Amino acid sequence: MTNKPLGFWACWSLTVGVMVGSGIFLLPSVLAPFGTLSFLGWVVTAGGSILIALVFARLSSRITKSGSVYVYSRDAFGDLPGFLIAWSYWTSYWVAIPGGAIAFVGYLSVFHPDLSDSRLMQLGIGLVVIWTSILLNIKGVKEATFVQLVLTVLKLLPLALIIVVGVASGSTDNFPDFNPKELPVFEALATTVLLTLWAFSGMEAGAISAGDVQNPEKTVPRAIVFGTLTVAFIYIGSTAAVMSLVPAEVLVNSTAPFADAAASLGAWGPTVIAIGALFATYGSMHGIIYVAGQMPMALAVDRFAPKTFARKNSGGAPFTALLVVGVLASLLLIGNYSKGLISAYRLIITMSTLAFLLPLVVCSLAELKHSWRSSRGWAGVALIALLYSLFAVIGSGWEVISWGVLLMLAGLPIYWWSRGQSRA
């Protein structure tokens, strides 16, 4: 029996590491105008995300192949839906890589202000950041996930520190009013739910390498659920801590709310937060690269992608897929620094947004289909997760939906080509 290299903490770190990126460092300021009502948004989002995590846990306990959303969709609905989900999901991941590199360079400029004035230097560092992670991933699955675990712990420490400081030194007097904009409660709640929803995207990442996981039918579900609970605690706790440490009128206009909150620690406080943000951006990007390399491999195993993507090196890494991902991400990063392609980059980001949400809908449907006759309790969980996922899709706007559908349909020629190749 082949020794499988991944355990609980590797899967947990992928789930948490992909979810916790640079976005959390701005959310307290984004939510401040909605007052303490925003905590209800967090609760709804966390509750819905935990239900979706339970759906993924249920699916991963039955289907232990690598591929996450792809294998669940294919198992329930067939080859074409499975491929289209995999195609759009994979595209959304590799497109996100340059964004992570750009965010990393942005936080690095805190320590090297000259970076802000040199676009060429920004580009060079961004490319180095991407290819450092690509090479770490190519080293091997075990090594890549160990790096991910270390980065995840390092990014969580500053956030946990803020929670501790908030409990020790914060004041409820700093909290904003319940509904300072005096919006209808449902409207304000819906807005805050959509704002916080994106922070939970990536929970399914812990299942991407199920084929390399020890005892996957138990390990993967536990990692996904515990990872989602970890993130929910960190998000809600750190947002509350920042709001208790920074007066509402300051927080609304803050561009670095965690740094402002850490100022109570002394001169070194904001520096610790900036370092945490670097770990968060790099760690999230590293996890995204890992997932982006695994998905083509899962497709190639089923003959829906060139067979070279299924090849692994001695460390178990899909090196060809990772190299292709690195090249694509690098070209997109270079394009982002060309004025003529900035609008194209933003368009691709818009097109890929739905690809984070659609797998939630399809996987909830897959669990609902499976459990409808065998387990009404799980069917109920899947139904609520489905409704929550549909709410997220509709709330993202018709422009995002339209471009997302076009992105998915763009994979059809590749599907037909791969079918022809497999029959040849």
Protein backbone atom coordinates (compact mmCIF):
# COMPACT_ATOMS: atom_id res chain seq x y z
CA MET A 1 0.00 0.00 0.00
CA THR A 2 1.41 3.38 -1.03
CA ASN A 3 2.32 5.67 1.85
CA LYS A 4 0.14 8.76 1.52
CA PRO A 5 1.97 11.94 2.54
CA LEU A 6 -0.87 14.21 3.71
CA GLY A 7 -2.66 14.24 7.04
CA PHE A 8 -5.24 16.34 8.88
CA TRP A 9 -3.11 19.46 9.35
CA ALA A 10 -2.07 19.58 5.70
CA CYS A 11 -5.74 19.57 4.61
CA TRP A 12 -6.67 22.04 7.35
CA SER A 13 -3.91 24.44 6.30
CA LEU A 14 -5.08 24.35 2.67
CA THR A 15 -8.65 25.15 3.72
CA VAL A 16 -7.65 27.95 6.08
CA GLY A 17 -4.69 29.14 4.03
CA VAL A 18 -6.66 29.73 0.83
CA MET A 19 -9.54 31.40 2.67
CA VAL A 20 -7.52 33.83 4.79
CA GLY A 21 -5.87 36.27 2.37
CA SER A 22 -5.34 39.99 2.26
CA GLY A 23 -9.07 40.79 2.25
CA ILE A 24 -9.55 40.30 5.99
CA PHE A 25 -7.14 43.18 6.69
CA LEU A 26 -9.58 45.67 5.16
CA LEU A 27 -12.95 44.18 6.08
CA PRO A 28 -13.40 45.98 9.45
CA SER A 29 -13.24 49.34 7.63
CA VAL A 30 -15.56 48.12 4.87
CA LEU A 31 -18.10 46.90 7.44
CA ALA A 32 -17.83 49.88 9.82
CA PRO A 33 -20.38 52.04 7.92
CA PHE A 34 -22.98 49.31 8.54
CA GLY A 35 -22.40 49.42 12.29
CA THR A 36 -22.69 46.49 14.65
CA LEU A 37 -25.45 45.11 12.44
CA SER A 38 -22.55 43.83 10.32
CA PHE A 39 -21.97 41.14 12.96
CA LEU A 40 -25.32 39.66 11.98
CA GLY A 41 -23.94 39.52 8.43
CA TRP A 42 -20.89 37.67 9.73
CA VAL A 43 -23.09 35.23 11.63
CA VAL A 44 -25.28 34.52 8.60
CA THR A 45 -22.25 34.12 6.35
CA ALA A 46 -20.43 31.91 8.84
CA GLY A 47 -23.57 29.79 9.35
CA GLY A 48 -24.10 29.37 5.61
CA SER A 49 -20.41 28.61 5.07
CA ILE A 50 -20.43 25.98 7.81
CA LEU A 51 -23.43 24.30 6.15
CA ILE A 52 -21.55 24.29 2.84
CA ALA A 53 -18.51 22.91 4.65
CA LEU A 54 -20.72 20.11 5.98
CA VAL A 55 -21.86 19.40 2.42
CA PHE A 56 -18.25 19.15 1.28
CA ALA A 57 -17.47 16.99 4.29
CA ARG A 58 -20.29 14.62 3.37
CA LEU A 59 -19.20 14.47 -0.27
CA SER A 60 -15.53 13.96 0.57
CA SER A 61 -16.38 11.12 2.98
CA ARG A 62 -17.92 9.18 0.07
CA ILE A 63 -15.64 10.18 -2.82
CA THR A 64 -11.97 10.02 -1.90
CA LYS A 65 -10.41 10.80 -5.29
CA SER A 66 -8.39 13.98 -5.83
CA GLY A 67 -10.22 16.79 -7.61
CA SER A 68 -12.64 18.22 -5.05
CA VAL A 69 -15.52 20.02 -6.80
CA TYR A 70 -14.72 18.33 -10.12
CA VAL A 71 -15.09 14.74 -8.88
CA TYR A 72 -18.21 15.56 -6.85
CA SER A 73 -19.90 17.24 -9.83
CA ARG A 74 -18.91 14.49 -12.26
CA ASP A 75 -20.07 11.74 -9.92
CA ALA A 76 -23.51 13.31 -9.54
CA PHE A 77 -24.19 14.77 -12.97
CA GLY A 78 -21.81 13.23 -15.50
CA ASP A 79 -18.75 14.07 -17.56
CA LEU A 80 -19.77 17.38 -19.14
CA PRO A 81 -21.00 19.17 -15.98
CA GLY A 82 -17.97 17.84 -14.10
CA PHE A 83 -15.58 19.14 -16.75
CA LEU A 84 -17.22 22.57 -17.00
CA ILE A 85 -17.09 23.02 -13.22
CA ALA A 86 -13.43 21.97 -13.23
CA TRP A 87 -12.60 24.28 -16.14
CA SER A 88 -14.14 27.41 -14.65
CA TYR A 89 -12.88 26.56 -11.17
CA TRP A 90 -9.32 26.05 -12.41
CA THR A 91 -9.42 29.27 -14.43
CA SER A 92 -10.64 31.24 -11.43
CA TYR A 93 -7.70 29.93 -9.41
CA TRP A 94 -4.83 30.63 -11.77
CA VAL A 95 -6.29 34.06 -12.60
CA ALA A 96 -6.21 34.88 -8.87
CA ILE A 97 -2.46 34.21 -8.60
CA PRO A 98 -1.26 37.58 -10.02
CA GLY A 99 -3.68 39.36 -7.68
CA GLY A 100 -1.99 37.67 -4.72
CA ALA A 101 1.44 38.67 -6.00
CA ILE A 102 0.33 42.28 -6.47
CA ALA A 103 -1.12 42.38 -2.94
CA PHE A 104 2.15 40.97 -1.54
CA VAL A 105 4.19 43.66 -3.30
CA GLY A 106 1.76 46.28 -2.01
CA TYR A 107 2.31 45.24 1.62
CA LEU A 108 6.06 44.95 1.01
CA SER A 109 6.12 48.63 0.08
CA VAL A 110 5.37 49.38 3.75
CA PHE A 111 8.97 48.35 4.45
CA HIS A 112 10.41 49.60 1.15
CA PRO A 113 8.53 52.79 0.16
CA ASP A 114 10.62 53.13 -3.02
CA LEU A 115 8.67 50.18 -4.45
CA SER A 116 5.64 52.43 -4.88
CA ASP A 117 7.51 54.51 -7.47
CA SER A 118 8.98 51.68 -9.56
CA ARG A 119 6.52 49.65 -11.61
CA LEU A 120 9.37 47.61 -13.09
CA MET A 121 10.60 46.65 -9.63
CA GLN A 122 7.04 45.76 -8.59
CA LEU A 123 6.73 43.50 -11.62
CA GLY A 124 10.10 41.85 -10.96
CA ILE A 125 9.30 41.11 -7.33
CA GLY A 126 5.83 39.88 -8.27
CA LEU A 127 7.32 37.39 -10.73
CA VAL A 128 9.87 36.23 -8.13
CA VAL A 129 7.06 35.72 -5.61
CA ILE A 130 5.04 33.61 -8.05
CA TRP A 131 7.95 31.44 -9.17
CA THR A 132 9.25 30.93 -5.63
CA SER A 133 5.91 29.37 -4.78
CA ILE A 134 5.82 27.39 -8.05
CA LEU A 135 9.24 25.89 -7.24
CA LEU A 136 8.19 25.10 -3.66
CA ASN A 137 5.13 23.31 -5.02
CA ILE A 138 7.21 21.42 -7.60
CA LYS A 139 9.53 20.22 -4.83
CA GLY A 140 6.80 17.84 -3.70
CA VAL A 141 3.30 17.54 -2.27
CA LYS A 142 4.56 16.95 1.27
CA GLU A 143 6.96 19.90 1.13
CA ALA A 144 4.38 22.23 -0.43
CA THR A 145 1.75 21.47 2.20
CA PHE A 146 4.31 21.81 5.02
CA VAL A 147 5.13 25.30 3.74
CA GLN A 148 1.40 25.99 3.58
CA LEU A 149 0.95 24.90 7.20
CA VAL A 150 3.79 27.15 8.40
CA LEU A 151 2.46 30.14 6.44
CA THR A 152 -1.07 29.54 7.76
CA VAL A 153 0.10 29.54 11.38
CA LEU A 154 2.22 32.67 10.81
CA LYS A 155 -0.69 34.55 9.22
CA LEU A 156 -3.10 33.61 12.03
CA LEU A 157 -0.81 34.69 14.87
CA PRO A 158 -1.15 38.48 14.32
CA LEU A 159 -4.93 38.13 13.94
CA ALA A 160 -5.10 36.12 17.16
CA LEU A 161 -2.94 38.77 18.85
CA ILE A 162 -5.42 41.48 17.87
CA ILE A 163 -8.25 39.41 19.37
CA VAL A 164 -6.33 39.10 22.66
CA VAL A 165 -5.55 42.85 22.70
CA GLY A 166 -9.20 43.63 21.93
CA VAL A 167 -10.38 41.55 24.86
CA ALA A 168 -7.77 43.09 27.18
CA SER A 169 -7.81 46.73 26.09
CA GLY A 170 -10.82 47.31 23.85
CA SER A 171 -13.91 49.26 24.77
CA THR A 172 -17.50 48.78 23.67
CA ASP A 173 -17.72 52.58 23.58
CA ASN A 174 -15.75 52.45 20.33
CA PHE A 175 -18.30 50.24 18.60
CA PRO A 176 -20.32 51.99 15.89
CA ASP A 177 -24.07 52.37 16.20
CA PHE A 178 -26.23 49.39 15.29
CA ASN A 179 -27.37 50.77 11.94
CA PRO A 180 -25.72 54.18 11.38
CA LYS A 181 -26.91 54.44 7.76
CA GLU A 182 -30.49 53.78 8.91
CA LEU A 183 -30.99 51.36 6.03
CA PRO A 184 -33.80 48.82 6.06
CA VAL A 185 -32.43 45.99 8.20
CA PHE A 186 -32.87 43.32 5.51
CA GLU A 187 -31.09 45.47 2.91
CA ALA A 188 -28.18 46.22 5.24
CA LEU A 189 -27.98 42.56 6.27
CA ALA A 190 -27.96 41.37 2.66
CA THR A 191 -25.17 43.81 1.82
CA THR A 192 -22.97 42.75 4.73
CA VAL A 193 -23.56 39.06 3.94
CA LEU A 194 -22.33 39.61 0.39
CA LEU A 195 -19.34 41.63 1.62
CA THR A 196 -18.30 38.90 4.03
CA LEU A 197 -19.14 35.96 1.75
CA TRP A 198 -15.98 36.30 -0.34
CA ALA A 199 -13.86 35.84 2.76
CA PHE A 200 -15.00 32.21 2.99
CA SER A 201 -14.24 31.21 -0.60
CA GLY A 202 -11.72 28.39 -0.72
CA MET A 203 -13.05 26.04 1.96
CA GLU A 204 -13.14 23.22 -0.60
CA ALA A 205 -9.36 23.44 -1.12
CA GLY A 206 -8.74 20.94 1.66
CA ALA A 207 -10.26 18.19 -0.50
CA ILE A 208 -8.28 18.84 -3.68
CA SER A 209 -5.63 16.18 -2.90
CA ALA A 210 -7.87 13.57 -1.27
CA GLY A 211 -6.07 10.80 -3.19
CA ASP A 212 -2.85 11.67 -1.32
CA VAL A 213 -4.47 11.90 2.12
CA GLN A 214 -4.23 9.30 4.87
CA ASN A 215 -7.68 7.90 5.72
CA PRO A 216 -9.34 10.52 3.44
CA GLU A 217 -12.95 9.56 4.20
CA LYS A 218 -12.42 10.83 7.77
CA THR A 219 -9.44 13.19 7.52
CA VAL A 220 -10.73 15.47 4.73
CA PRO A 221 -14.25 16.08 6.19
CA ARG A 222 -12.82 16.91 9.59
CA ALA A 223 -10.23 19.27 8.11
CA ILE A 224 -12.79 21.15 6.00
CA VAL A 225 -15.28 21.61 8.85
CA PHE A 226 -12.66 22.47 11.49
CA GLY A 227 -10.91 24.79 9.03
CA THR A 228 -14.14 26.66 8.30
CA LEU A 229 -14.88 26.96 12.03
CA THR A 230 -11.33 28.27 12.60
CA VAL A 231 -11.78 30.93 9.95
CA ALA A 232 -15.22 31.93 11.26
CA PHE A 233 -13.79 32.44 14.77
CA ILE A 234 -10.79 34.43 13.48
CA TYR A 235 -12.90 36.63 11.19
CA ILE A 236 -15.64 37.49 13.69
CA GLY A 237 -13.25 37.77 16.64
CA SER A 238 -10.73 39.99 14.87
CA THR A 239 -13.44 42.26 13.41
CA ALA A 240 -14.94 42.73 16.88
CA ALA A 241 -11.48 43.40 18.33
CA VAL A 242 -10.66 46.07 15.75
CA MET A 243 -14.01 47.76 16.28
CA SER A 244 -13.40 47.80 20.04
CA LEU A 245 -9.90 49.29 19.65
CA VAL A 246 -10.49 51.91 16.93
CA PRO A 247 -13.17 54.60 17.33
CA ALA A 248 -15.94 54.27 14.74
CA GLU A 249 -15.30 57.69 13.17
CA VAL A 250 -11.65 56.72 12.60
CA LEU A 251 -12.36 53.17 11.46
CA VAL A 252 -14.74 54.24 8.69
CA ASN A 253 -11.92 56.10 6.92
CA SER A 254 -9.05 53.77 7.80
CA THR A 255 -7.05 52.13 5.01
CA ALA A 256 -5.19 49.91 7.49
CA PRO A 257 -7.65 49.07 10.29
CA PHE A 258 -5.57 46.27 11.83
CA ALA A 259 -2.49 48.49 11.90
CA ASP A 260 -4.54 51.20 13.62
CA ALA A 261 -5.78 48.64 16.13
CA ALA A 262 -2.23 47.37 16.74
CA ALA A 263 -1.00 50.89 17.50
CA SER A 264 -1.98 50.25 21.13
CA LEU A 265 0.87 47.72 21.27
CA GLY A 266 3.43 50.43 20.63
CA ALA A 267 5.57 51.32 17.63
CA TRP A 268 6.14 47.67 16.72
CA GLY A 269 2.42 46.84 16.57
CA PRO A 270 1.69 48.02 13.00
CA THR A 271 4.91 46.32 11.83
CA VAL A 272 3.69 42.98 13.20
CA ILE A 273 0.41 43.41 11.35
CA ALA A 274 2.19 44.32 8.11
CA ILE A 275 4.33 41.18 8.41
CA GLY A 276 1.16 39.17 9.07
CA ALA A 277 -0.38 40.63 5.93
CA LEU A 278 2.68 39.52 3.94
CA PHE A 279 2.29 35.98 5.26
CA ALA A 280 -1.45 36.12 4.54
CA THR A 281 -1.05 37.21 0.92
CA TYR A 282 1.82 34.85 0.17
CA GLY A 283 0.20 31.94 2.00
CA SER A 284 -3.10 32.37 0.19
CA MET A 285 -1.31 32.61 -3.16
CA HIS A 286 0.78 29.53 -2.35
CA GLY A 287 -2.36 27.53 -1.59
CA ILE A 288 -4.06 28.79 -4.75
CA ILE A 289 -1.05 27.67 -6.82
CA TYR A 290 -1.20 24.26 -5.16
CA VAL A 291 -4.89 23.85 -6.04
CA ALA A 292 -4.35 25.21 -9.58
CA GLY A 293 -1.74 22.53 -10.16
CA GLN A 294 -3.87 19.69 -8.79
CA MET A 295 -7.01 20.33 -10.86
CA PRO A 296 -5.47 19.72 -14.34
CA MET A 297 -3.94 16.52 -12.95
CA ALA A 298 -7.36 15.27 -11.83
CA LEU A 299 -8.77 16.04 -15.30
CA ALA A 300 -5.85 14.34 -17.04
CA VAL A 301 -6.34 11.16 -15.00
CA ASP A 302 -9.86 10.97 -16.45
CA ARG A 303 -8.57 11.89 -19.95
CA PHE A 304 -10.14 15.34 -20.03
CA ALA A 305 -6.76 17.06 -20.28
CA PRO A 306 -3.43 16.17 -21.95
CA LYS A 307 -1.92 13.13 -20.21
CA THR A 308 1.28 15.04 -19.46
CA PHE A 309 -0.66 16.90 -16.74
CA ALA A 310 -1.15 13.61 -14.91
CA ARG A 311 2.58 12.98 -14.58
CA LYS A 312 4.13 13.41 -11.15
CA ASN A 313 7.73 13.87 -10.14
CA SER A 314 9.45 11.94 -7.35
CA GLY A 315 7.81 14.23 -4.78
CA GLY A 316 4.33 13.48 -6.10
CA ALA A 317 3.90 16.98 -7.58
CA PRO A 318 2.21 17.53 -10.99
CA PHE A 319 5.21 19.46 -12.29
CA THR A 320 3.94 20.04 -15.86
CA ALA A 321 0.63 21.45 -14.63
CA LEU A 322 2.44 23.71 -12.16
CA LEU A 323 4.80 25.01 -14.84
CA VAL A 324 1.85 25.82 -17.11
CA VAL A 325 0.09 27.58 -14.23
CA GLY A 326 3.26 29.58 -13.52
CA VAL A 327 3.59 30.68 -17.14
CA LEU A 328 -0.09 31.68 -17.42
CA ALA A 329 -0.01 33.61 -14.13
CA SER A 330 3.24 35.35 -15.12
CA LEU A 331 1.84 36.44 -18.47
CA LEU A 332 -1.25 37.80 -16.75
CA LEU A 333 0.88 39.65 -14.21
CA ILE A 334 2.99 41.17 -16.99
CA GLY A 335 -0.20 42.14 -18.79
CA ASN A 336 -1.44 43.86 -15.65
CA TYR A 337 1.52 46.22 -15.86
CA SER A 338 0.71 47.14 -19.46
CA LYS A 339 -1.86 49.90 -19.70
CA GLY A 340 -3.46 48.26 -22.69
CA LEU A 341 -4.22 45.07 -20.79
CA ILE A 342 -5.35 46.38 -17.41
CA SER A 343 -8.97 46.44 -18.51
CA ALA A 344 -8.62 42.90 -19.87
CA TYR A 345 -7.23 41.73 -16.54
CA ARG A 346 -10.16 43.24 -14.66
CA LEU A 347 -12.55 41.64 -17.13
CA ILE A 348 -11.07 38.19 -16.54
CA ILE A 349 -11.33 38.70 -12.77
CA THR A 350 -15.00 39.58 -13.21
CA MET A 351 -15.57 36.54 -15.41
CA SER A 352 -13.95 34.22 -12.88
CA THR A 353 -15.84 35.48 -9.84
CA LEU A 354 -18.80 33.20 -10.48
CA ALA A 355 -16.45 30.22 -10.73
CA PHE A 356 -15.90 30.48 -6.97
CA LEU A 357 -19.65 30.34 -6.38
CA LEU A 358 -21.03 27.94 -8.97
CA PRO A 359 -19.29 24.85 -7.50
CA LEU A 360 -21.09 25.59 -4.23
CA VAL A 361 -24.42 25.38 -6.03
CA VAL A 362 -23.56 22.23 -7.99
CA CYS A 363 -22.02 20.42 -5.01
CA SER A 364 -25.03 21.27 -2.83
CA LEU A 365 -27.25 19.85 -5.57
CA ALA A 366 -25.05 16.75 -5.71
CA GLU A 367 -25.46 16.10 -1.99
CA LEU A 368 -29.19 16.84 -2.17
CA LYS A 369 -29.54 14.31 -5.00
CA HIS A 370 -27.66 11.65 -3.06
CA SER A 371 -29.29 12.15 0.34
CA TRP A 372 -32.87 12.87 -0.72
CA ARG A 373 -33.93 9.23 -0.30
CA SER A 374 -31.29 7.93 2.11
CA SER A 375 -30.98 10.71 4.71
CA ARG A 376 -33.52 13.49 5.02
CA GLY A 377 -31.40 15.25 7.66
CA TRP A 378 -28.45 15.60 5.29
CA ALA A 379 -30.84 16.47 2.49
CA GLY A 380 -32.08 19.35 4.64
CA VAL A 381 -28.52 20.58 5.22
CA ALA A 382 -27.83 20.39 1.48
CA LEU A 383 -31.06 22.23 0.65
CA ILE A 384 -30.25 25.14 2.98
CA ALA A 385 -26.67 25.22 1.63
CA LEU A 386 -28.11 25.29 -1.89
CA LEU A 387 -30.41 28.22 -1.10
CA TYR A 388 -27.53 30.07 0.52
CA SER A 389 -25.31 29.41 -2.51
CA LEU A 390 -28.02 30.62 -4.90
CA PHE A 391 -28.39 33.78 -2.82
CA ALA A 392 -24.65 34.36 -3.20
CA VAL A 393 -24.76 33.80 -6.95
CA ILE A 394 -27.74 36.11 -7.50
CA GLY A 395 -26.25 38.70 -5.14
CA SER A 396 -23.05 38.83 -7.16
CA GLY A 397 -24.95 40.61 -9.95
CA TRP A 398 -26.03 39.80 -13.47
CA GLU A 399 -22.82 41.07 -15.02
CA VAL A 400 -20.77 38.60 -12.99
CA ILE A 401 -23.23 35.81 -13.76
CA SER A 402 -23.13 36.52 -17.50
CA TRP A 403 -19.35 36.60 -17.71
CA GLY A 404 -19.08 33.54 -15.49
CA VAL A 405 -21.36 31.56 -17.79
CA LEU A 406 -19.35 32.67 -20.82
CA LEU A 407 -16.14 31.60 -19.10
CA MET A 408 -17.62 28.17 -18.45
CA LEU A 409 -18.87 27.76 -22.02
CA ALA A 410 -15.40 28.68 -23.29
CA GLY A 411 -14.30 25.28 -22.02
CA LEU A 412 -16.63 23.39 -24.39
CA PRO A 413 -14.17 23.20 -27.32
CA ILE A 414 -11.54 21.74 -25.00
CA TYR A 415 -14.05 19.18 -23.70
CA TRP A 416 -14.99 18.07 -27.23
CA TRP A 417 -11.32 17.94 -28.21
CA SER A 418 -10.42 15.84 -25.16
CA ARG A 419 -13.30 13.45 -25.88
CA GLY A 420 -12.04 13.01 -29.43
CA GLN A 421 -8.50 12.38 -28.21
CA SER A 422 -9.59 9.77 -25.67
CA ARG A 423 -11.47 7.84 -28.38
CA ALA A 424 -8.57 7.99 -30.84
